Amino acid sequence: AICHEHVSKVDIKIDEAQEIQLLHDGIWGHICLYTSAPELIGKVLCRQLGEDGTNGQIIQIPRDHKWAQELPVWHQRAQCYGNESHIQQCQHDKPDISFQTVCSATKISTLTCHKIPIILRSNNKALQFGIVEAYIAKRWLPVYRTNQHAVRLICQVIGLDSSYAQLHYVEIQRGSYNLLNYTQFPINIHCKGTEHTLEECQIKLTYMSFSGTWGMDSDLYSTKLAGVRCPKLEN
């Protein structure tokens, strides 16, 4: 159904926790999104905030993870082409509110409207290899899982040769993880293979687990972060 909401104002904002909120009928709440193309929603939301929507992308969180604030959840079913100026212009149903903060679909955490800065964290810069970090919501977040097409785009972002980009997972223990000052959830970056920029790929916050064979969580056990090797560009 297409609803043209003239009476009820729909607005969005980024809160103190860098999470996006939707205002409907005078109530601010989180967004639970039912859609097959979330990357297009991000472009529209950025324009609604007055930003350039070219690189707009939503950041998802695990379905069982809670938002920073306990707010109602707006279940927004929207299909966007990506060129709309605000979410009301997308094909959508009237937002349905849930005060139980339940969302079993696409759970939006935050929104990025700009190119995502990327660095390779390494003790030896000459190797052009390191753990991938992305700057999202004013924080540097390590990349937990990714794929080969994303790795090529990562090398492009940092200005290195993407032709022979290599993905190597780096084993890391909890103590080392803490020493690297990683206090937030890491992210997964998944690209389908047709994207031209990293911002077109799907980005999700994910859990970091240091568990052994029996599922026990311990400082003794390790996990793996995504490491990337980018050859230098030859003149």
C-alpha atoms as a PDB file:
ATOM      1  CA  ALA A   1       0.000   0.000   0.000  1.00  0.00           C
ATOM      2  CA  ILE A   2       1.111   3.542  -0.709  1.00  0.00           C
ATOM      3  CA  CYS A   3       0.332   5.936   2.097  1.00  0.00           C
ATOM      4  CA  HIS A   4       0.732   9.688   1.681  1.00  0.00           C
ATOM      5  CA  GLU A   5       1.015  10.892   5.262  1.00  0.00           C
ATOM      6  CA  HIS A   6      -0.051  14.524   5.412  1.00  0.00           C
ATOM      7  CA  VAL A   7      -1.502  14.537   8.933  1.00  0.00           C
ATOM      8  CA  SER A   8       1.104  12.479  10.775  1.00  0.00           C
ATOM      9  CA  LYS A   9       4.628  13.857  10.545  1.00  0.00           C
ATOM     10  CA  VAL A  10       7.337  11.273   9.938  1.00  0.00           C
ATOM     11  CA  ASP A  11      10.856  12.420  10.754  1.00  0.00           C
ATOM     12  CA  ILE A  12      14.216  10.865  11.591  1.00  0.00           C
ATOM     13  CA  LYS A  13      17.244  11.783  13.696  1.00  0.00           C
ATOM     14  CA  ILE A  14      20.562  10.403  14.905  1.00  0.00           C
ATOM     15  CA  ASP A  15      20.614  10.196  18.716  1.00  0.00           C
ATOM     16  CA  GLU A  16      23.488  10.510  21.200  1.00  0.00           C
ATOM     17  CA  ALA A  17      24.355   6.824  20.764  1.00  0.00           C
ATOM     18  CA  GLN A  18      24.677   7.399  16.992  1.00  0.00           C
ATOM     19  CA  GLU A  19      21.568   5.301  16.380  1.00  0.00           C
ATOM     20  CA  ILE A  20      18.845   6.352  13.980  1.00  0.00           C
ATOM     21  CA  GLN A  21      15.325   6.968  15.269  1.00  0.00           C
ATOM     22  CA  LEU A  22      11.990   7.423  13.510  1.00  0.00           C
ATOM     23  CA  LEU A  23       9.334   9.892  14.691  1.00  0.00           C
ATOM     24  CA  HIS A  24       5.742   8.931  13.930  1.00  0.00           C
ATOM     25  CA  ASP A  25       2.591  10.283  15.592  1.00  0.00           C
ATOM     26  CA  GLY A  26       4.802  12.231  18.008  1.00  0.00           C
ATOM     27  CA  ILE A  27       6.645   9.115  19.250  1.00  0.00           C
ATOM     28  CA  TRP A  28      10.356   8.474  18.695  1.00  0.00           C
ATOM     29  CA  GLY A  29      11.330   4.854  18.195  1.00  0.00           C
ATOM     30  CA  HIS A  30      13.814   2.499  16.573  1.00  0.00           C
ATOM     31  CA  ILE A  31      13.380   1.215  13.029  1.00  0.00           C
ATOM     32  CA  CYS A  32      12.678  -2.428  12.258  1.00  0.00           C
ATOM     33  CA  LEU A  33      12.837  -2.624   8.485  1.00  0.00           C
ATOM     34  CA  TYR A  34      11.199  -5.206   6.247  1.00  0.00           C
ATOM     35  CA  THR A  35      12.876  -4.806   2.870  1.00  0.00           C
ATOM     36  CA  SER A  36      14.830  -6.719   0.262  1.00  0.00           C
ATOM     37  CA  ALA A  37      17.168  -3.806  -0.570  1.00  0.00           C
ATOM     38  CA  PRO A  38      18.304  -2.086   2.661  1.00  0.00           C
ATOM     39  CA  GLU A  39      21.159  -0.279   0.892  1.00  0.00           C
ATOM     40  CA  LEU A  40      18.588   1.807  -1.023  1.00  0.00           C
ATOM     41  CA  ILE A  41      16.835   2.775   2.206  1.00  0.00           C
ATOM     42  CA  GLY A  42      20.109   4.262   3.461  1.00  0.00           C
ATOM     43  CA  LYS A  43      20.329   6.623   0.499  1.00  0.00           C
ATOM     44  CA  VAL A  44      16.821   7.909   1.177  1.00  0.00           C
ATOM     45  CA  LEU A  45      17.353   8.348   4.922  1.00  0.00           C
ATOM     46  CA  CYS A  46      20.533  10.355   4.292  1.00  0.00           C
ATOM     47  CA  ARG A  47      18.664  12.733   2.000  1.00  0.00           C
ATOM     48  CA  GLN A  48      15.955  13.118   4.618  1.00  0.00           C
ATOM     49  CA  LEU A  49      18.678  14.218   7.056  1.00  0.00           C
ATOM     50  CA  GLY A  50      19.869  16.792   4.529  1.00  0.00           C
ATOM     51  CA  GLU A  51      22.950  14.788   3.516  1.00  0.00           C
ATOM     52  CA  ASP A  52      24.101  13.560   0.121  1.00  0.00           C
ATOM     53  CA  GLY A  53      22.495  10.165  -0.386  1.00  0.00           C
ATOM     54  CA  THR A  54      25.110   8.818  -2.810  1.00  0.00           C
ATOM     55  CA  ASN A  55      26.948   6.807  -0.153  1.00  0.00           C
ATOM     56  CA  GLY A  56      23.999   6.263   2.175  1.00  0.00           C
ATOM     57  CA  GLN A  57      24.028   2.900   3.924  1.00  0.00           C
ATOM     58  CA  ILE A  58      22.305   1.526   6.998  1.00  0.00           C
ATOM     59  CA  ILE A  59      24.261  -0.473   9.564  1.00  0.00           C
ATOM     60  CA  GLN A  60      22.352  -3.493  10.836  1.00  0.00           C
ATOM     61  CA  ILE A  61      22.592  -5.165  14.243  1.00  0.00           C
ATOM     62  CA  PRO A  62      21.899  -8.806  15.196  1.00  0.00           C
ATOM     63  CA  ARG A  63      18.225  -9.545  15.762  1.00  0.00           C
ATOM     64  CA  ASP A  64      18.784 -10.576  19.375  1.00  0.00           C
ATOM     65  CA  HIS A  65      20.948  -7.548  20.210  1.00  0.00           C
ATOM     66  CA  LYS A  66      19.349  -4.582  21.960  1.00  0.00           C
ATOM     67  CA  TRP A  67      19.505  -0.984  20.880  1.00  0.00           C
ATOM     68  CA  ALA A  68      21.355   1.433  23.171  1.00  0.00           C
ATOM     69  CA  GLN A  69      18.067   2.936  24.372  1.00  0.00           C
ATOM     70  CA  GLU A  70      14.844   1.179  25.324  1.00  0.00           C
ATOM     71  CA  LEU A  71      12.367   2.753  22.930  1.00  0.00           C
ATOM     72  CA  PRO A  72       9.304   1.595  21.025  1.00  0.00           C
ATOM     73  CA  VAL A  73       9.999  -0.102  17.705  1.00  0.00           C
ATOM     74  CA  TRP A  74       8.488   1.154  14.484  1.00  0.00           C
ATOM     75  CA  HIS A  75       7.972  -1.691  12.050  1.00  0.00           C
ATOM     76  CA  GLN A  76       8.402   0.062   8.726  1.00  0.00           C
ATOM     77  CA  ARG A  77       7.697  -1.930   5.560  1.00  0.00           C
ATOM     78  CA  ALA A  78       9.239   0.159   2.785  1.00  0.00           C
ATOM     79  CA  GLN A  79      10.445  -0.400  -0.750  1.00  0.00           C
ATOM     80  CA  CYS A  80      12.585   2.392  -2.165  1.00  0.00           C
ATOM     81  CA  TYR A  81      14.158   2.957  -5.568  1.00  0.00           C
ATOM     82  CA  GLY A  82      16.932   4.953  -3.922  1.00  0.00           C
ATOM     83  CA  ASN A  83      16.219   8.323  -5.525  1.00  0.00           C
ATOM     84  CA  GLU A  84      13.485   9.456  -3.109  1.00  0.00           C
ATOM     85  CA  SER A  85      14.113  12.498  -0.899  1.00  0.00           C
ATOM     86  CA  HIS A  86      12.415  11.056   2.209  1.00  0.00           C
ATOM     87  CA  ILE A  87      11.036   7.730   3.336  1.00  0.00           C
ATOM     88  CA  GLN A  88       7.412   8.833   2.927  1.00  0.00           C
ATOM     89  CA  GLN A  89       7.980   8.851  -0.847  1.00  0.00           C
ATOM     90  CA  CYS A  90       8.874   5.153  -0.828  1.00  0.00           C
ATOM     91  CA  GLN A  91       6.195   2.536  -1.242  1.00  0.00           C
ATOM     92  CA  HIS A  92       5.310   1.734   2.355  1.00  0.00           C
ATOM     93  CA  ASP A  93       2.690   0.714   4.849  1.00  0.00           C
ATOM     94  CA  LYS A  94       1.790   2.895   7.795  1.00  0.00           C
ATOM     95  CA  PRO A  95       4.429   2.297  10.500  1.00  0.00           C
ATOM     96  CA  ASP A  96       3.234  -0.274  13.024  1.00  0.00           C
ATOM     97  CA  ILE A  97       4.487   0.294  16.561  1.00  0.00           C
ATOM     98  CA  SER A  98       5.615  -2.389  19.006  1.00  0.00           C
ATOM     99  CA  PHE A  99       6.276  -1.358  22.592  1.00  0.00           C
ATOM    100  CA  GLN A 100       7.881  -4.744  23.252  1.00  0.00           C
ATOM    101  CA  THR A 101      10.990  -3.631  21.304  1.00  0.00           C
ATOM    102  CA  VAL A 102      10.801  -6.820  19.251  1.00  0.00           C
ATOM    103  CA  CYS A 103      12.260  -6.930  15.747  1.00  0.00           C
ATOM    104  CA  SER A 104      12.754 -10.181  13.867  1.00  0.00           C
ATOM    105  CA  ALA A 105      13.679  -8.538  10.570  1.00  0.00           C
ATOM    106  CA  THR A 106      16.287  -5.936   9.530  1.00  0.00           C
ATOM    107  CA  LYS A 107      17.238  -4.107  12.709  1.00  0.00           C
ATOM    108  CA  ILE A 108      18.803  -0.720  11.960  1.00  0.00           C
ATOM    109  CA  SER A 109      21.480   0.533  14.329  1.00  0.00           C
ATOM    110  CA  THR A 110      22.931   3.574  12.642  1.00  0.00           C
ATOM    111  CA  LEU A 111      23.354   5.253   9.295  1.00  0.00           C
ATOM    112  CA  THR A 112      26.389   6.374   7.357  1.00  0.00           C
ATOM    113  CA  CYS A 113      26.031   9.057   4.686  1.00  0.00           C
ATOM    114  CA  HIS A 114      29.674   9.492   3.681  1.00  0.00           C
ATOM    115  CA  LYS A 115      32.528   7.440   2.312  1.00  0.00           C
ATOM    116  CA  ILE A 116      33.641   4.987   5.004  1.00  0.00           C
ATOM    117  CA  PRO A 117      37.292   5.552   6.019  1.00  0.00           C
ATOM    118  CA  ILE A 118      39.335   2.334   6.098  1.00  0.00           C
ATOM    119  CA  ILE A 119      42.761   1.599   7.567  1.00  0.00           C
ATOM    120  CA  LEU A 120      44.925  -1.498   7.874  1.00  0.00           C
ATOM    121  CA  ARG A 121      46.129  -1.798  11.464  1.00  0.00           C
ATOM    122  CA  SER A 122      49.610  -3.267  11.429  1.00  0.00           C
ATOM    123  CA  ASN A 123      52.960  -3.096  13.204  1.00  0.00           C
ATOM    124  CA  ASN A 124      54.740  -3.267   9.856  1.00  0.00           C
ATOM    125  CA  LYS A 125      53.371  -0.769   7.330  1.00  0.00           C
ATOM    126  CA  ALA A 126      55.907  -1.916   4.731  1.00  0.00           C
ATOM    127  CA  LEU A 127      54.027  -5.185   4.330  1.00  0.00           C
ATOM    128  CA  GLN A 128      50.796  -3.395   3.346  1.00  0.00           C
ATOM    129  CA  PHE A 129      48.974  -5.945   5.483  1.00  0.00           C
ATOM    130  CA  GLY A 130      46.885  -5.502   8.583  1.00  0.00           C
ATOM    131  CA  ILE A 131      43.608  -5.954  10.412  1.00  0.00           C
ATOM    132  CA  VAL A 132      40.876  -4.032   8.613  1.00  0.00           C
ATOM    133  CA  GLU A 133      39.221  -1.211  10.554  1.00  0.00           C
ATOM    134  CA  ALA A 134      36.277   0.899   9.385  1.00  0.00           C
ATOM    135  CA  TYR A 135      35.269   4.264  10.860  1.00  0.00           C
ATOM    136  CA  ILE A 136      31.525   4.106  11.505  1.00  0.00           C
ATOM    137  CA  ALA A 137      29.407   6.131  13.953  1.00  0.00           C
ATOM    138  CA  LYS A 138      32.502   7.980  15.251  1.00  0.00           C
ATOM    139  CA  ARG A 139      34.287   4.726  16.150  1.00  0.00           C
ATOM    140  CA  TRP A 140      36.958   2.546  14.568  1.00  0.00           C
ATOM    141  CA  LEU A 141      35.489  -0.947  14.289  1.00  0.00           C
ATOM    142  CA  PRO A 142      37.425  -4.085  13.316  1.00  0.00           C
ATOM    143  CA  VAL A 143      36.116  -6.244  10.487  1.00  0.00           C
ATOM    144  CA  TYR A 144      35.210  -9.727  11.684  1.00  0.00           C
ATOM    145  CA  ARG A 145      34.110 -11.374   8.429  1.00  0.00           C
ATOM    146  CA  THR A 146      34.229 -10.266   4.809  1.00  0.00           C
ATOM    147  CA  ASN A 147      34.686 -11.679   1.304  1.00  0.00           C
ATOM    148  CA  GLN A 148      37.021 -11.328  -1.654  1.00  0.00           C
ATOM    149  CA  HIS A 149      35.111  -8.643  -3.536  1.00  0.00           C
ATOM    150  CA  ALA A 150      34.974  -6.516  -0.376  1.00  0.00           C
ATOM    151  CA  VAL A 151      38.732  -6.978   0.016  1.00  0.00           C
ATOM    152  CA  ARG A 152      39.327  -5.526  -3.458  1.00  0.00           C
ATOM    153  CA  LEU A 153      37.171  -2.522  -2.606  1.00  0.00           C
ATOM    154  CA  ILE A 154      39.004  -2.079   0.712  1.00  0.00           C
ATOM    155  CA  CYS A 155      42.342  -1.883  -1.115  1.00  0.00           C
ATOM    156  CA  GLN A 156      40.855   0.704  -3.485  1.00  0.00           C
ATOM    157  CA  VAL A 157      39.693   2.839  -0.556  1.00  0.00           C
ATOM    158  CA  ILE A 158      43.197   3.042   0.931  1.00  0.00           C
ATOM    159  CA  GLY A 159      44.745   3.785  -2.471  1.00  0.00           C
ATOM    160  CA  LEU A 160      46.502   0.473  -3.086  1.00  0.00           C
ATOM    161  CA  ASP A 161      46.368  -2.098  -5.880  1.00  0.00           C
ATOM    162  CA  SER A 162      43.194  -4.181  -5.731  1.00  0.00           C
ATOM    163  CA  SER A 163      44.151  -6.603  -8.517  1.00  0.00           C
ATOM    164  CA  TYR A 164      45.921  -9.042  -6.217  1.00  0.00           C
ATOM    165  CA  ALA A 165      44.252  -8.175  -2.920  1.00  0.00           C
ATOM    166  CA  GLN A 166      44.380 -11.050  -0.458  1.00  0.00           C
ATOM    167  CA  LEU A 167      42.251 -11.928   2.559  1.00  0.00           C
ATOM    168  CA  HIS A 168      43.918 -13.596   5.543  1.00  0.00           C
ATOM    169  CA  TYR A 169      42.166 -14.076   8.876  1.00  0.00           C
ATOM    170  CA  VAL A 170      44.289 -13.094  11.865  1.00  0.00           C
ATOM    171  CA  GLU A 171      43.989 -15.116  15.061  1.00  0.00           C
ATOM    172  CA  ILE A 172      43.665 -12.937  18.133  1.00  0.00           C
ATOM    173  CA  GLN A 173      43.077 -13.596  21.850  1.00  0.00           C
ATOM    174  CA  ARG A 174      40.819 -11.591  24.118  1.00  0.00           C
ATOM    175  CA  GLY A 175      43.740  -9.924  25.884  1.00  0.00           C
ATOM    176  CA  SER A 176      45.177  -8.710  22.593  1.00  0.00           C
ATOM    177  CA  TYR A 177      41.726  -7.597  21.461  1.00  0.00           C
ATOM    178  CA  ASN A 178      41.387  -5.415  24.548  1.00  0.00           C
ATOM    179  CA  LEU A 179      44.887  -4.008  24.088  1.00  0.00           C
ATOM    180  CA  LEU A 180      43.838  -2.856  20.627  1.00  0.00           C
ATOM    181  CA  ASN A 181      41.109  -0.805  22.368  1.00  0.00           C
ATOM    182  CA  TYR A 182      38.267  -2.573  20.602  1.00  0.00           C
ATOM    183  CA  THR A 183      35.310  -1.957  22.890  1.00  0.00           C
ATOM    184  CA  GLN A 184      32.491  -2.090  20.344  1.00  0.00           C
ATOM    185  CA  PHE A 185      31.048  -4.909  18.304  1.00  0.00           C
ATOM    186  CA  PRO A 186      33.023  -5.723  15.147  1.00  0.00           C
ATOM    187  CA  ILE A 187      31.367  -5.630  11.735  1.00  0.00           C
ATOM    188  CA  ASN A 188      30.796  -7.974   8.827  1.00  0.00           C
ATOM    189  CA  ILE A 189      31.089  -6.554   5.305  1.00  0.00           C
ATOM    190  CA  HIS A 190      29.434  -8.645   2.615  1.00  0.00           C
ATOM    191  CA  CYS A 191      29.527  -7.722  -1.069  1.00  0.00           C
ATOM    192  CA  LYS A 192      27.579  -9.499  -3.801  1.00  0.00           C
ATOM    193  CA  GLY A 193      30.318  -8.967  -6.385  1.00  0.00           C
ATOM    194  CA  THR A 194      28.704  -6.239  -8.487  1.00  0.00           C
ATOM    195  CA  GLU A 195      29.364  -3.257  -6.210  1.00  0.00           C
ATOM    196  CA  HIS A 196      31.677  -0.419  -7.267  1.00  0.00           C
ATOM    197  CA  THR A 197      32.062   1.092  -3.795  1.00  0.00           C
ATOM    198  CA  LEU A 198      32.268  -0.325  -0.295  1.00  0.00           C
ATOM    199  CA  GLU A 199      29.200   1.671   0.720  1.00  0.00           C
ATOM    200  CA  GLU A 200      27.056  -0.417  -1.644  1.00  0.00           C
ATOM    201  CA  CYS A 201      27.868  -3.597   0.300  1.00  0.00           C
ATOM    202  CA  GLN A 202      25.873  -4.904   3.249  1.00  0.00           C
ATOM    203  CA  ILE A 203      27.315  -3.941   6.637  1.00  0.00           C
ATOM    204  CA  LYS A 204      26.268  -5.553   9.904  1.00  0.00           C
ATOM    205  CA  LEU A 205      27.425  -5.320  13.504  1.00  0.00           C
ATOM    206  CA  THR A 206      28.131  -8.784  14.846  1.00  0.00           C
ATOM    207  CA  TYR A 207      29.159 -10.587  18.018  1.00  0.00           C
ATOM    208  CA  MET A 208      32.763 -11.238  19.002  1.00  0.00           C
ATOM    209  CA  SER A 209      33.128 -14.641  20.631  1.00  0.00           C
ATOM    210  CA  PHE A 210      36.259 -16.036  22.250  1.00  0.00           C
ATOM    211  CA  SER A 211      35.121 -19.625  22.651  1.00  0.00           C
ATOM    212  CA  GLY A 212      36.781 -23.028  22.606  1.00  0.00           C
ATOM    213  CA  THR A 213      35.727 -26.476  21.468  1.00  0.00           C
ATOM    214  CA  TRP A 214      32.993 -26.746  24.084  1.00  0.00           C
ATOM    215  CA  GLY A 215      31.680 -23.221  23.594  1.00  0.00           C
ATOM    216  CA  MET A 216      33.276 -21.874  26.767  1.00  0.00           C
ATOM    217  CA  ASP A 217      34.179 -18.174  26.700  1.00  0.00           C
ATOM    218  CA  SER A 218      37.688 -17.564  27.995  1.00  0.00           C
ATOM    219  CA  ASP A 219      40.742 -15.320  27.731  1.00  0.00           C
ATOM    220  CA  LEU A 220      42.655 -18.442  26.717  1.00  0.00           C
ATOM    221  CA  TYR A 221      40.699 -18.909  23.528  1.00  0.00           C
ATOM    222  CA  SER A 222      41.058 -16.920  20.361  1.00  0.00           C
ATOM    223  CA  THR A 223      38.975 -15.663  17.502  1.00  0.00           C
ATOM    224  CA  LYS A 224      39.834 -14.320  14.065  1.00  0.00           C
ATOM    225  CA  LEU A 225      39.623 -10.872  12.512  1.00  0.00           C
ATOM    226  CA  ALA A 226      39.835 -10.048   8.828  1.00  0.00           C
ATOM    227  CA  GLY A 227      43.295  -9.092   7.641  1.00  0.00           C
ATOM    228  CA  VAL A 228      43.978  -7.770   4.156  1.00  0.00           C
ATOM    229  CA  ARG A 229      47.123  -7.586   2.063  1.00  0.00           C
ATOM    230  CA  CYS A 230      47.141  -4.906  -0.635  1.00  0.00           C
ATOM    231  CA  PRO A 231      50.063  -4.736  -3.112  1.00  0.00           C
ATOM    232  CA  LYS A 232      51.517  -1.285  -3.721  1.00  0.00           C
ATOM    233  CA  LEU A 233      50.486   0.450  -6.929  1.00  0.00           C
ATOM    234  CA  GLU A 234      53.294   0.333  -9.475  1.00  0.00           C
ATOM    235  CA  ASN A 235      53.976   3.428 -11.551  1.00  0.00           C
END
